């Protein structure tokens, strides 16, 4: 059961987009997320840091001839996203009931 809960960390537009993008995969390369959101490296890094601090996103750096950074939504992040989406749906339903 998902408990609807508005999440201030996730709600910021870019962070919500990061979480919903990562929710569809196990992990995604930083550059792919950046390109999907059409933001700069610095903007994505800033928002990923906030999500990482909240334990919603994990960051894995893979060294090699071409270093890569992978992002993944943690179980806590998936739960928080599901709760946030449930709360947004509830808010929309309340607004539509008033029409």
C-alpha atoms as a PDB file:
ATOM      1  CA  UNK A   1       0.000   0.000   0.000  1.00  0.00           C
ATOM      2  CA  UNK A   2       1.298   3.428  -0.931  1.00  0.00           C
ATOM      3  CA  UNK A   3       0.801   6.228   1.555  1.00  0.00           C
ATOM      4  CA  UNK A   4       0.178   9.500  -0.276  1.00  0.00           C
ATOM      5  CA  UNK A   5       2.720  12.051   0.937  1.00  0.00           C
ATOM      6  CA  UNK A   6       3.790  15.333  -0.615  1.00  0.00           C
ATOM      7  CA  UNK A   7       7.597  15.321  -0.817  1.00  0.00           C
ATOM      8  CA  UNK A   8       9.309  18.730  -0.973  1.00  0.00           C
ATOM      9  CA  UNK A   9      12.592  17.134  -2.105  1.00  0.00           C
ATOM     10  CA  UNK A  10      11.037  15.410  -5.104  1.00  0.00           C
ATOM     11  CA  UNK A  11       8.536  18.142  -5.994  1.00  0.00           C
ATOM     12  CA  UNK A  12      10.995  20.572  -7.617  1.00  0.00           C
ATOM     13  CA  UNK A  13      10.386  20.183 -11.373  1.00  0.00           C
ATOM     14  CA  UNK A  14      13.863  18.965 -12.362  1.00  0.00           C
ATOM     15  CA  UNK A  15      14.045  16.561  -9.419  1.00  0.00           C
ATOM     16  CA  UNK A  16      10.596  15.187 -10.221  1.00  0.00           C
ATOM     17  CA  UNK A  17      11.702  14.665 -13.821  1.00  0.00           C
ATOM     18  CA  UNK A  18      14.928  12.953 -12.683  1.00  0.00           C
ATOM     19  CA  UNK A  19      12.999  10.583 -10.421  1.00  0.00           C
ATOM     20  CA  UNK A  20      10.358   9.722 -13.012  1.00  0.00           C
ATOM     21  CA  UNK A  21      13.063   9.126 -15.631  1.00  0.00           C
ATOM     22  CA  UNK A  22      15.000   6.819 -13.302  1.00  0.00           C
ATOM     23  CA  UNK A  23      11.829   5.022 -12.177  1.00  0.00           C
ATOM     24  CA  UNK A  24      11.599   3.298 -15.564  1.00  0.00           C
ATOM     25  CA  UNK A  25      15.052   1.666 -15.366  1.00  0.00           C
ATOM     26  CA  UNK A  26      17.444  -0.015 -12.945  1.00  0.00           C
ATOM     27  CA  UNK A  27      20.101   2.616 -13.670  1.00  0.00           C
ATOM     28  CA  UNK A  28      20.841   5.230 -16.312  1.00  0.00           C
ATOM     29  CA  UNK A  29      24.020   6.973 -17.363  1.00  0.00           C
ATOM     30  CA  UNK A  30      24.339  10.591 -16.199  1.00  0.00           C
ATOM     31  CA  UNK A  31      24.680  11.898 -19.761  1.00  0.00           C
ATOM     32  CA  UNK A  32      21.501  10.112 -20.871  1.00  0.00           C
ATOM     33  CA  UNK A  33      19.517  11.667 -18.016  1.00  0.00           C
ATOM     34  CA  UNK A  34      21.049  15.067 -18.790  1.00  0.00           C
ATOM     35  CA  UNK A  35      20.092  14.807 -22.453  1.00  0.00           C
ATOM     36  CA  UNK A  36      16.577  13.540 -21.657  1.00  0.00           C
ATOM     37  CA  UNK A  37      15.953  16.508 -19.346  1.00  0.00           C
ATOM     38  CA  UNK A  38      17.761  18.939 -21.679  1.00  0.00           C
ATOM     39  CA  UNK A  39      19.748  20.518 -18.846  1.00  0.00           C
ATOM     40  CA  UNK A  40      23.425  21.232 -18.288  1.00  0.00           C
ATOM     41  CA  UNK A  41      25.790  18.996 -16.344  1.00  0.00           C
ATOM     42  CA  UNK A  42      25.858  21.514 -13.498  1.00  0.00           C
ATOM     43  CA  UNK A  43      22.053  21.715 -13.212  1.00  0.00           C
ATOM     44  CA  UNK A  44      21.718  17.933 -13.193  1.00  0.00           C
ATOM     45  CA  UNK A  45      24.578  17.560 -10.697  1.00  0.00           C
ATOM     46  CA  UNK A  46      22.980  20.062  -8.330  1.00  0.00           C
ATOM     47  CA  UNK A  47      19.629  18.263  -8.315  1.00  0.00           C
ATOM     48  CA  UNK A  48      21.186  14.797  -8.128  1.00  0.00           C
ATOM     49  CA  UNK A  49      23.165  15.924  -5.059  1.00  0.00           C
ATOM     50  CA  UNK A  50      19.925  16.940  -3.295  1.00  0.00           C
ATOM     51  CA  UNK A  51      18.326  13.589  -4.171  1.00  0.00           C
ATOM     52  CA  UNK A  52      21.461  11.718  -3.122  1.00  0.00           C
ATOM     53  CA  UNK A  53      21.548  13.538   0.234  1.00  0.00           C
ATOM     54  CA  UNK A  54      17.938  12.438   0.799  1.00  0.00           C
ATOM     55  CA  UNK A  55      18.983   8.836  -0.069  1.00  0.00           C
ATOM     56  CA  UNK A  56      16.617   8.843  -3.067  1.00  0.00           C
ATOM     57  CA  UNK A  57      19.274   8.442  -5.767  1.00  0.00           C
ATOM     58  CA  UNK A  58      22.521   6.482  -5.797  1.00  0.00           C
ATOM     59  CA  UNK A  59      25.510   7.577  -7.862  1.00  0.00           C
ATOM     60  CA  UNK A  60      28.029   5.041  -9.138  1.00  0.00           C
ATOM     61  CA  UNK A  61      31.199   6.105 -10.906  1.00  0.00           C
ATOM     62  CA  UNK A  62      32.699   3.470 -13.199  1.00  0.00           C
ATOM     63  CA  UNK A  63      36.360   4.027 -14.042  1.00  0.00           C
ATOM     64  CA  UNK A  64      37.893   2.858 -17.260  1.00  0.00           C
ATOM     65  CA  UNK A  65      39.103   4.209 -20.579  1.00  0.00           C
ATOM     66  CA  UNK A  66      35.894   6.253 -20.671  1.00  0.00           C
ATOM     67  CA  UNK A  67      34.728   7.018 -17.094  1.00  0.00           C
ATOM     68  CA  UNK A  68      30.961   6.951 -16.661  1.00  0.00           C
ATOM     69  CA  UNK A  69      28.587   7.983 -13.926  1.00  0.00           C
ATOM     70  CA  UNK A  70      25.423   5.967 -13.381  1.00  0.00           C
ATOM     71  CA  UNK A  71      22.332   7.140 -11.515  1.00  0.00           C
ATOM     72  CA  UNK A  72      19.735   4.887  -9.933  1.00  0.00           C
ATOM     73  CA  UNK A  73      16.612   5.458  -7.893  1.00  0.00           C
ATOM     74  CA  UNK A  74      17.038   3.776  -4.500  1.00  0.00           C
ATOM     75  CA  UNK A  75      14.248   1.745  -2.872  1.00  0.00           C
ATOM     76  CA  UNK A  76      13.645   4.756  -0.594  1.00  0.00           C
ATOM     77  CA  UNK A  77      13.485   6.988  -3.652  1.00  0.00           C
ATOM     78  CA  UNK A  78      11.004   4.695  -5.389  1.00  0.00           C
ATOM     79  CA  UNK A  79       8.796   4.666  -2.298  1.00  0.00           C
ATOM     80  CA  UNK A  80       8.984   8.447  -1.902  1.00  0.00           C
ATOM     81  CA  UNK A  81       8.188   8.964  -5.596  1.00  0.00           C
ATOM     82  CA  UNK A  82       5.203   6.617  -5.429  1.00  0.00           C
ATOM     83  CA  UNK A  83       3.878   8.446  -2.365  1.00  0.00           C
ATOM     84  CA  UNK A  84       4.402  11.832  -4.002  1.00  0.00           C
ATOM     85  CA  UNK A  85       2.608  10.771  -7.183  1.00  0.00           C
ATOM     86  CA  UNK A  86      -0.254   9.345  -5.113  1.00  0.00           C
ATOM     87  CA  UNK A  87      -0.585  12.679  -3.281  1.00  0.00           C
ATOM     88  CA  UNK A  88      -0.523  14.632  -6.553  1.00  0.00           C
ATOM     89  CA  UNK A  89      -3.279  12.380  -7.906  1.00  0.00           C
ATOM     90  CA  UNK A  90      -5.295  13.027  -4.738  1.00  0.00           C
ATOM     91  CA  UNK A  91      -4.853  16.789  -5.157  1.00  0.00           C
ATOM     92  CA  UNK A  92      -5.986  16.596  -8.794  1.00  0.00           C
ATOM     93  CA  UNK A  93      -9.014  14.488  -7.844  1.00  0.00           C
ATOM     94  CA  UNK A  94     -10.026  17.071  -5.221  1.00  0.00           C
ATOM     95  CA  UNK A  95      -9.728  19.873  -7.766  1.00  0.00           C
ATOM     96  CA  UNK A  96     -11.790  17.975 -10.318  1.00  0.00           C
ATOM     97  CA  UNK A  97     -14.490  17.170  -7.750  1.00  0.00           C
ATOM     98  CA  UNK A  98     -15.054  20.898  -7.263  1.00  0.00           C
ATOM     99  CA  UNK A  99     -15.866  21.454 -10.931  1.00  0.00           C
END
